[in-house]
Amino acid sequence: MIASLAMYDFGPAQAANDRLWALIRTGLRGRGIAAPEALIRGEHAYWDAWQSPDLLLSQTCGYPFRARLHGQVTYVGTPDYGVEGCAPGHYRSVFVARADDPRRTLVEFDAARFAYNEPLSQSGWAAPQTHAARLGIRLVPVVQTGGHRLSAKAVAEGRADIAALDAVTHALLQTVDPEAAALRVVGLTDPTPGLPYITAQGRDPQPIFDAVSEAIAALDPVHRDTLRLKGFVRLPVADYLAVPNPPAPEQIAVPM
């Protein structure tokens, strides 16, 4: 069996995720469900885990879930991180620019150089591009970084003007990344359903949902605060599927 919790798993969050998994594992085994001793980490914690028939539990992103994984995995539930201005189980993207950038509002970044983590990221690509289109501005993709922290670094180093970070990641970065001090928030996207927990297709999600809910409630306050966890909710899958998909990066023209 495979388990991974890799979406928010850096710095102090790693130890907190290990403790959370230990509690989930105990709850699963108590329900007669075989559970691995440890979480997997690294490159195999993402697509390899999500698409494996041996997947017991993992956290994915809303865009991969609706674009590729829906119909191939089973939705379990969604952690609630208590993101300000968002309903339980929802989150948003935070637009960041360099602190010394003279542009103060998001609309002033029309045609700005945009750093993004990957084209299938809800918070790093889909949400900011959809939000920009609604405002009538363009954020021009100039660098694909491979991760939110690397997008923040690209802006801090001047290789891009602006990036959009998952609000939970942005909060976690404030405590572990010195480059975060060089950035300033210039806007927020609308809320969308948060990063879902999934299991393999055909597996009963209810005992897993119950084990995760109990584990979050039993997690000690220090680790719960580290992970920003407030609870675990179940959202309609239709809410994920209704989120709009933006054009791919290669479909957005670079201005001449």
Foldseek 3Di string as FASTA:
>chain_A
DAEAEAPQCDDPLVVLVFLLVVLLCVLCVVVVHHDDNGHDDDPCLAPVQLQDLQNDKYWAALQCCQPPCPVFWAFQWAFALPEPPDDGQKFWKWKKAFPPDPDQAPQVCALWEEEFADQSHCQWHFQVQVQQVVVVGDHAYDYHQNDQVRRLVCRLVPVTGMTIDTPQVLVLCVPPPPSNVRMDTRDMGHMARGTTMIGGPPDDSVSSNVSSQVSLVPRDPVSCVSSSTDGIGHDPSVRSNPRDGDDGNVVDDNDD
